[in-house]
């Protein structure tokens, strides 16, 4: 493999490792700050008690699909913990479950898991 090929391979591996969990540094208390992972597309994965990407940018009219991969039940509930909205709520999603919602107006739409309030995400619609 040429030097350029090795460099491309290393860069790809580093990119994959950095984007795998959506946070910068160790999780938990201790003053670390999580940096949201922002992506485009229409897919959000629920895994490891996190939404990935934590921030999704889509166009008006896009149907966002959340796929639940944890062994524990989770929800996709619009709003914030303590202040849910009635825009969307997946109900309890078991492992392998999916939830779809079409966003028809521009704006920022925060959401969370009603069972695990520390799990938060946002869809930004333009």
Protein backbone atom coordinates (compact mmCIF):
# COMPACT_ATOMS: atom_id res chain seq x y z
CA UNK A 1 0.00 0.00 0.00
CA UNK A 2 1.36 3.43 -0.88
CA UNK A 3 2.03 6.12 1.72
CA UNK A 4 -1.06 8.02 0.56
CA UNK A 5 -3.21 4.90 0.89
CA UNK A 6 -2.02 4.34 4.47
CA UNK A 7 -2.75 7.97 5.31
CA UNK A 8 -6.27 7.72 3.91
CA UNK A 9 -6.88 4.49 5.85
CA UNK A 10 -5.66 6.03 9.13
CA UNK A 11 -7.82 9.13 8.58
CA UNK A 12 -10.89 6.97 7.91
CA UNK A 13 -10.29 4.92 11.07
CA UNK A 14 -9.85 8.05 13.17
CA UNK A 15 -13.03 9.56 11.77
CA UNK A 16 -14.99 6.38 12.53
CA UNK A 17 -13.65 6.25 16.09
CA UNK A 18 -14.46 9.90 16.75
CA UNK A 19 -18.03 9.65 15.48
CA UNK A 20 -18.98 6.41 17.20
CA UNK A 21 -20.41 7.74 20.48
CA UNK A 22 -21.30 11.39 20.01
CA UNK A 23 -19.29 12.76 22.91
CA UNK A 24 -15.92 14.31 23.54
CA UNK A 25 -14.02 12.68 26.35
CA UNK A 26 -15.35 10.41 29.07
CA UNK A 27 -19.01 10.56 30.03
CA UNK A 28 -20.43 11.08 33.49
CA UNK A 29 -19.82 13.75 36.08
CA UNK A 30 -16.58 15.59 36.54
CA UNK A 31 -17.17 18.70 34.50
CA UNK A 32 -16.68 17.27 31.03
CA UNK A 33 -18.74 18.86 28.29
CA UNK A 34 -20.34 16.78 25.58
CA UNK A 35 -20.03 18.13 22.05
CA UNK A 36 -23.12 17.37 19.96
CA UNK A 37 -22.60 15.29 16.87
CA UNK A 38 -24.36 17.08 14.01
CA UNK A 39 -25.21 15.22 10.84
CA UNK A 40 -27.49 15.38 7.84
CA UNK A 41 -29.65 12.57 6.52
CA UNK A 42 -32.73 11.19 8.19
CA UNK A 43 -31.53 8.42 10.51
CA UNK A 44 -31.01 8.56 14.28
CA UNK A 45 -29.77 5.54 16.22
CA UNK A 46 -30.67 4.97 19.87
CA UNK A 47 -27.76 3.07 21.39
CA UNK A 48 -25.74 3.22 24.58
CA UNK A 49 -28.35 5.46 26.21
CA UNK A 50 -27.76 8.14 23.57
CA UNK A 51 -29.25 9.48 20.36
CA UNK A 52 -26.72 9.46 17.53
CA UNK A 53 -26.33 11.88 15.97
CA UNK A 54 -27.46 14.11 18.82
CA UNK A 55 -28.24 16.91 16.37
CA UNK A 56 -29.72 16.12 12.95
CA UNK A 57 -30.14 18.73 10.21
CA UNK A 58 -32.88 18.05 7.65
CA UNK A 59 -34.93 19.83 5.01
CA UNK A 60 -38.63 20.62 5.46
CA UNK A 61 -40.73 17.56 4.63
CA UNK A 62 -38.10 15.01 5.68
CA UNK A 63 -39.25 11.92 7.55
CA UNK A 64 -36.80 11.23 10.38
CA UNK A 65 -36.39 7.59 11.41
CA UNK A 66 -35.19 6.65 14.91
CA UNK A 67 -33.99 3.05 15.34
CA UNK A 68 -33.76 1.63 18.86
CA UNK A 69 -30.75 -0.66 19.42
CA UNK A 70 -30.56 -0.83 23.24
CA UNK A 71 -31.86 -3.73 25.33
CA UNK A 72 -33.71 -1.19 27.52
CA UNK A 73 -36.94 0.52 26.44
CA UNK A 74 -36.63 4.15 25.28
CA UNK A 75 -38.94 6.85 23.93
CA UNK A 76 -38.55 9.66 21.42
CA UNK A 77 -40.57 12.47 22.98
CA UNK A 78 -40.71 16.03 21.63
CA UNK A 79 -39.72 18.86 23.95
CA UNK A 80 -37.44 18.69 26.94
CA UNK A 81 -37.53 16.74 30.19
CA UNK A 82 -40.06 18.47 32.44
CA UNK A 83 -41.51 20.33 29.46
CA UNK A 84 -42.62 17.82 26.80
CA UNK A 85 -44.63 19.01 23.83
CA UNK A 86 -47.37 17.13 22.06
CA UNK A 87 -45.74 17.26 18.63
CA UNK A 88 -44.52 13.64 18.67
CA UNK A 89 -44.05 10.72 21.04
CA UNK A 90 -42.96 7.27 20.01
CA UNK A 91 -44.22 5.51 23.09
CA UNK A 92 -42.06 2.70 24.44
CA UNK A 93 -39.63 1.37 21.81
CA UNK A 94 -38.15 -2.08 22.37
CA UNK A 95 -34.87 -3.19 20.83
CA UNK A 96 -35.28 -3.27 17.04
CA UNK A 97 -38.20 -0.84 17.10
CA UNK A 98 -38.41 2.20 14.87
CA UNK A 99 -40.27 5.49 15.02
CA UNK A 100 -40.88 7.81 12.06
CA UNK A 101 -42.00 11.42 12.07
CA UNK A 102 -42.21 13.92 9.20
CA UNK A 103 -41.24 17.51 10.02
CA UNK A 104 -43.19 19.96 7.88
CA UNK A 105 -42.16 23.33 9.35
CA UNK A 106 -38.72 24.92 9.70
CA UNK A 107 -37.37 25.23 13.22
CA UNK A 108 -35.42 23.46 15.95
CA UNK A 109 -37.14 20.47 17.52
CA UNK A 110 -35.59 19.20 20.77
CA UNK A 111 -36.54 15.73 22.00
CA UNK A 112 -35.64 13.37 24.84
CA UNK A 113 -36.29 9.91 26.26
CA UNK A 114 -39.13 10.08 28.80
CA UNK A 115 -37.56 7.16 30.71
CA UNK A 116 -34.00 8.54 30.73
CA UNK A 117 -34.12 12.35 30.79
CA UNK A 118 -30.37 12.68 30.22
CA UNK A 119 -30.90 11.30 26.71
CA UNK A 120 -31.53 14.32 24.51
CA UNK A 121 -31.40 15.20 20.84
CA UNK A 122 -32.52 17.83 18.40
CA UNK A 123 -33.71 17.95 14.80
CA UNK A 124 -33.00 21.22 12.99
CA UNK A 125 -35.31 21.75 10.03
CA UNK A 126 -34.60 24.31 7.29
